[in-house]
Amino acid sequence: MSRIGIRPITILEGVEVDVTPSRFIAKSGQNSMEIQIPDFIVVKKEENVIKVTRKNDSKEARSQHGLIARLIQSLIIGVKEGFKRELEFKGTGYRAAVNGKELVLNMGYSHEIKIEIPEGISVTVAKNTIVISGMDKQKVGALAARIRDVRPPEVYKGKGIKYKEEIIKRKAGKKASS
């Protein structure tokens, strides 16, 4: 059995769930998200808990069991609280700005880099911090990774874009031999 898949998922207060054999829907206020459930996975709602099991022990069912359980948990948290990733950038002349539905980055290249902001995701820029927030954990994480890939942090001067909680181990440069 999947150690992650068998864990019961608690339904947060204020979140309504609708479970059908092929679809799982989570709602909270005006927020609503859904996920397709494969045929070999069974999702049951029991009072304030959701349990995910599988119909058989096929390789595909085993590989999807834990994944579907965590996606359901992410939906429940996403519609209630949402997800947020913070990125920090450091470097002379490095700038970021939100222009309509795109993020414009000046990161030391000869040109601006424009990244389109997906539907349902909001991006704010304050001083040297980019904050990405939204209901869908996958979209928030993917956008944060795309932004970080524009100018990953380098280990000598610490310049670049990094996650706020990321720790960059700095290296010493060339030392004069004496």
Protein backbone atom coordinates (compact mmCIF):
# COMPACT_ATOMS: atom_id res chain seq x y z
CA MET A 1 0.00 0.00 0.00
CA SER A 2 1.04 3.55 -0.65
CA ARG A 3 2.14 5.19 2.58
CA ILE A 4 1.08 8.59 1.28
CA GLY A 5 -2.09 7.41 -0.45
CA ILE A 6 -3.62 5.72 2.59
CA ARG A 7 -3.38 8.79 4.82
CA PRO A 8 -6.85 10.27 5.42
CA ILE A 9 -7.37 13.80 4.07
CA THR A 10 -9.21 16.20 6.40
CA ILE A 11 -11.71 18.56 4.83
CA LEU A 12 -11.06 22.10 6.05
CA GLU A 13 -13.86 24.11 7.60
CA GLY A 14 -15.81 26.07 4.96
CA VAL A 15 -14.85 23.76 2.09
CA GLU A 16 -17.52 21.74 0.30
CA VAL A 17 -16.52 18.65 -1.65
CA ASP A 18 -18.42 16.75 -4.32
CA VAL A 19 -17.16 13.25 -5.09
CA THR A 20 -18.22 11.27 -8.16
CA PRO A 21 -16.49 8.14 -9.52
CA SER A 22 -14.62 10.14 -12.19
CA ARG A 23 -14.34 13.63 -10.71
CA PHE A 24 -13.52 15.41 -7.43
CA ILE A 25 -14.72 19.01 -6.94
CA ALA A 26 -13.75 21.31 -4.04
CA LYS A 27 -15.56 24.62 -3.41
CA SER A 28 -15.10 27.41 -0.90
CA GLY A 29 -17.05 30.61 -1.41
CA GLN A 30 -16.56 31.61 -5.06
CA ASN A 31 -13.44 29.46 -5.47
CA SER A 32 -13.88 26.10 -7.15
CA MET A 33 -11.40 23.55 -8.51
CA GLU A 34 -11.77 20.03 -9.84
CA ILE A 35 -9.64 17.02 -10.73
CA GLN A 36 -10.29 13.97 -12.91
CA ILE A 37 -9.99 10.65 -11.08
CA PRO A 38 -8.67 7.61 -13.00
CA ASP A 39 -10.88 4.48 -13.19
CA PHE A 40 -8.59 2.42 -10.95
CA ILE A 41 -8.67 4.93 -8.01
CA VAL A 42 -11.61 5.09 -5.56
CA VAL A 43 -12.29 8.28 -3.56
CA LYS A 44 -14.76 8.10 -0.64
CA LYS A 45 -16.05 10.86 1.60
CA GLU A 46 -16.72 9.81 5.20
CA GLU A 47 -18.01 12.63 7.43
CA ASN A 48 -15.13 15.16 7.54
CA VAL A 49 -12.48 12.90 5.97
CA ILE A 50 -11.65 11.73 2.46
CA LYS A 51 -10.08 8.31 1.87
CA VAL A 52 -8.33 7.33 -1.34
CA THR A 53 -7.92 3.64 -2.26
CA ARG A 54 -7.20 1.70 -5.43
CA LYS A 55 -9.26 -1.04 -7.11
CA ASN A 56 -6.33 -3.26 -8.06
CA ASP A 57 -2.58 -3.54 -7.65
CA SER A 58 -1.58 -2.77 -11.22
CA LYS A 59 1.61 -0.77 -11.73
CA GLU A 60 -0.37 2.25 -12.97
CA ALA A 61 -2.78 2.14 -10.00
CA ARG A 62 0.11 1.93 -7.52
CA SER A 63 1.90 4.87 -9.15
CA GLN A 64 -1.20 7.08 -9.20
CA HIS A 65 -2.53 6.28 -5.70
CA GLY A 66 -0.37 8.69 -3.67
CA LEU A 67 -0.38 11.31 -6.44
CA ILE A 68 -4.18 11.57 -6.59
CA ALA A 69 -4.39 11.75 -2.77
CA ARG A 70 -1.94 14.69 -2.61
CA LEU A 71 -3.62 16.46 -5.55
CA ILE A 72 -6.94 16.24 -3.70
CA GLN A 73 -5.31 17.64 -0.56
CA SER A 74 -3.81 20.49 -2.62
CA LEU A 75 -7.25 21.30 -4.08
CA ILE A 76 -8.81 21.52 -0.62
CA ILE A 77 -6.04 23.79 0.72
CA GLY A 78 -5.96 25.82 -2.51
CA VAL A 79 -9.65 26.78 -2.56
CA LYS A 80 -9.59 27.67 1.14
CA GLU A 81 -6.23 29.41 1.69
CA GLY A 82 -4.38 29.44 -1.64
CA PHE A 83 -0.64 29.05 -2.21
CA LYS A 84 2.15 31.60 -2.28
CA ARG A 85 5.79 31.60 -3.44
CA GLU A 86 8.19 34.46 -2.86
CA LEU A 87 11.26 35.12 -4.97
CA GLU A 88 14.03 37.60 -4.21
CA PHE A 89 16.35 39.10 -6.80
CA LYS A 90 19.69 40.77 -6.19
CA GLY A 91 22.01 42.53 -8.62
CA THR A 92 22.96 45.95 -9.91
CA GLY A 93 20.28 47.25 -12.25
CA TYR A 94 18.00 44.23 -11.82
CA ARG A 95 14.33 45.24 -11.99
CA ALA A 96 10.95 43.56 -12.20
CA ALA A 97 7.51 45.00 -12.99
CA VAL A 98 4.03 43.71 -13.71
CA ASN A 99 2.63 45.11 -16.95
CA GLY A 100 -0.97 43.94 -17.49
CA LYS A 101 -0.93 40.14 -17.78
CA GLU A 102 2.85 39.79 -18.07
CA LEU A 103 5.87 40.10 -15.83
CA VAL A 104 8.71 42.18 -17.28
CA LEU A 105 12.19 41.35 -15.97
CA ASN A 106 15.41 43.33 -16.52
CA MET A 107 18.08 40.95 -15.26
CA GLY A 108 21.32 42.17 -16.80
CA TYR A 109 20.65 40.92 -20.31
CA SER A 110 20.61 43.19 -23.38
CA HIS A 111 16.82 42.83 -23.56
CA GLU A 112 13.77 42.60 -21.29
CA ILE A 113 12.36 39.19 -20.54
CA LYS A 114 8.56 39.01 -20.62
CA ILE A 115 6.80 36.13 -18.91
CA GLU A 116 3.06 35.69 -19.37
CA ILE A 117 1.09 35.30 -16.14
CA PRO A 118 -1.35 32.33 -16.33
CA GLU A 119 -5.06 32.70 -15.63
CA GLY A 120 -5.89 32.47 -11.90
CA ILE A 121 -2.41 33.50 -10.74
CA SER A 122 -1.56 36.93 -9.34
CA VAL A 123 1.94 38.41 -9.28
CA THR A 124 3.05 41.42 -7.26
CA VAL A 125 6.44 43.10 -7.16
CA ALA A 126 7.69 45.09 -4.16
CA LYS A 127 11.24 46.42 -4.00
CA ASN A 128 13.36 43.31 -4.71
CA THR A 129 10.68 40.67 -4.07
CA ILE A 130 8.31 38.93 -6.48
CA VAL A 131 5.24 37.34 -4.83
CA ILE A 132 3.28 34.72 -6.80
CA SER A 133 -0.06 33.57 -5.39
CA GLY A 134 -3.02 31.52 -6.55
CA MET A 135 -5.27 28.52 -5.87
CA ASP A 136 -3.45 25.99 -8.07
CA LYS A 137 -0.24 24.78 -6.40
CA GLN A 138 1.14 23.39 -9.66
CA LYS A 139 0.70 26.66 -11.59
CA VAL A 140 2.20 28.75 -8.77
CA GLY A 141 5.24 26.48 -8.49
CA ALA A 142 5.73 26.24 -12.27
CA LEU A 143 5.63 30.03 -12.71
CA ALA A 144 8.06 30.52 -9.81
CA ALA A 145 10.47 28.02 -11.39
CA ARG A 146 10.22 29.74 -14.80
CA ILE A 147 11.01 33.12 -13.23
CA ARG A 148 13.96 31.68 -11.27
CA ASP A 149 15.36 30.10 -14.45
CA VAL A 150 15.71 33.55 -16.04
CA ARG A 151 18.73 34.30 -13.81
CA PRO A 152 19.53 31.55 -11.27
CA PRO A 153 21.58 32.69 -8.28
CA GLU A 154 25.33 32.46 -8.70
CA VAL A 155 27.59 31.39 -5.87
CA TYR A 156 30.38 34.00 -6.04
CA LYS A 157 28.52 37.33 -5.73
CA GLY A 158 25.04 36.08 -4.85
CA LYS A 159 23.44 37.81 -7.84
CA GLY A 160 20.31 36.40 -9.46
CA ILE A 161 16.79 35.27 -8.57
CA LYS A 162 16.26 32.86 -5.68
CA TYR A 163 13.40 31.54 -3.59
CA LYS A 164 13.02 33.49 -0.35
CA GLU A 165 13.67 30.43 1.82
CA GLU A 166 16.54 29.17 -0.39
CA ILE A 167 20.03 29.33 1.08
CA ILE A 168 22.89 29.97 -1.33
CA LYS A 169 26.28 28.70 -0.12
CA ARG A 170 28.75 31.36 -1.18
CA LYS A 171 32.16 30.41 -2.53
CA ALA A 172 35.36 32.35 -2.02
CA GLY A 173 36.86 33.77 -5.19
CA LYS A 174 40.46 33.33 -6.27
CA LYS A 175 42.83 34.06 -3.43
CA ALA A 176 46.26 35.57 -3.82
CA SER A 177 48.93 33.02 -3.08
CA SER A 178 51.68 34.23 -0.83
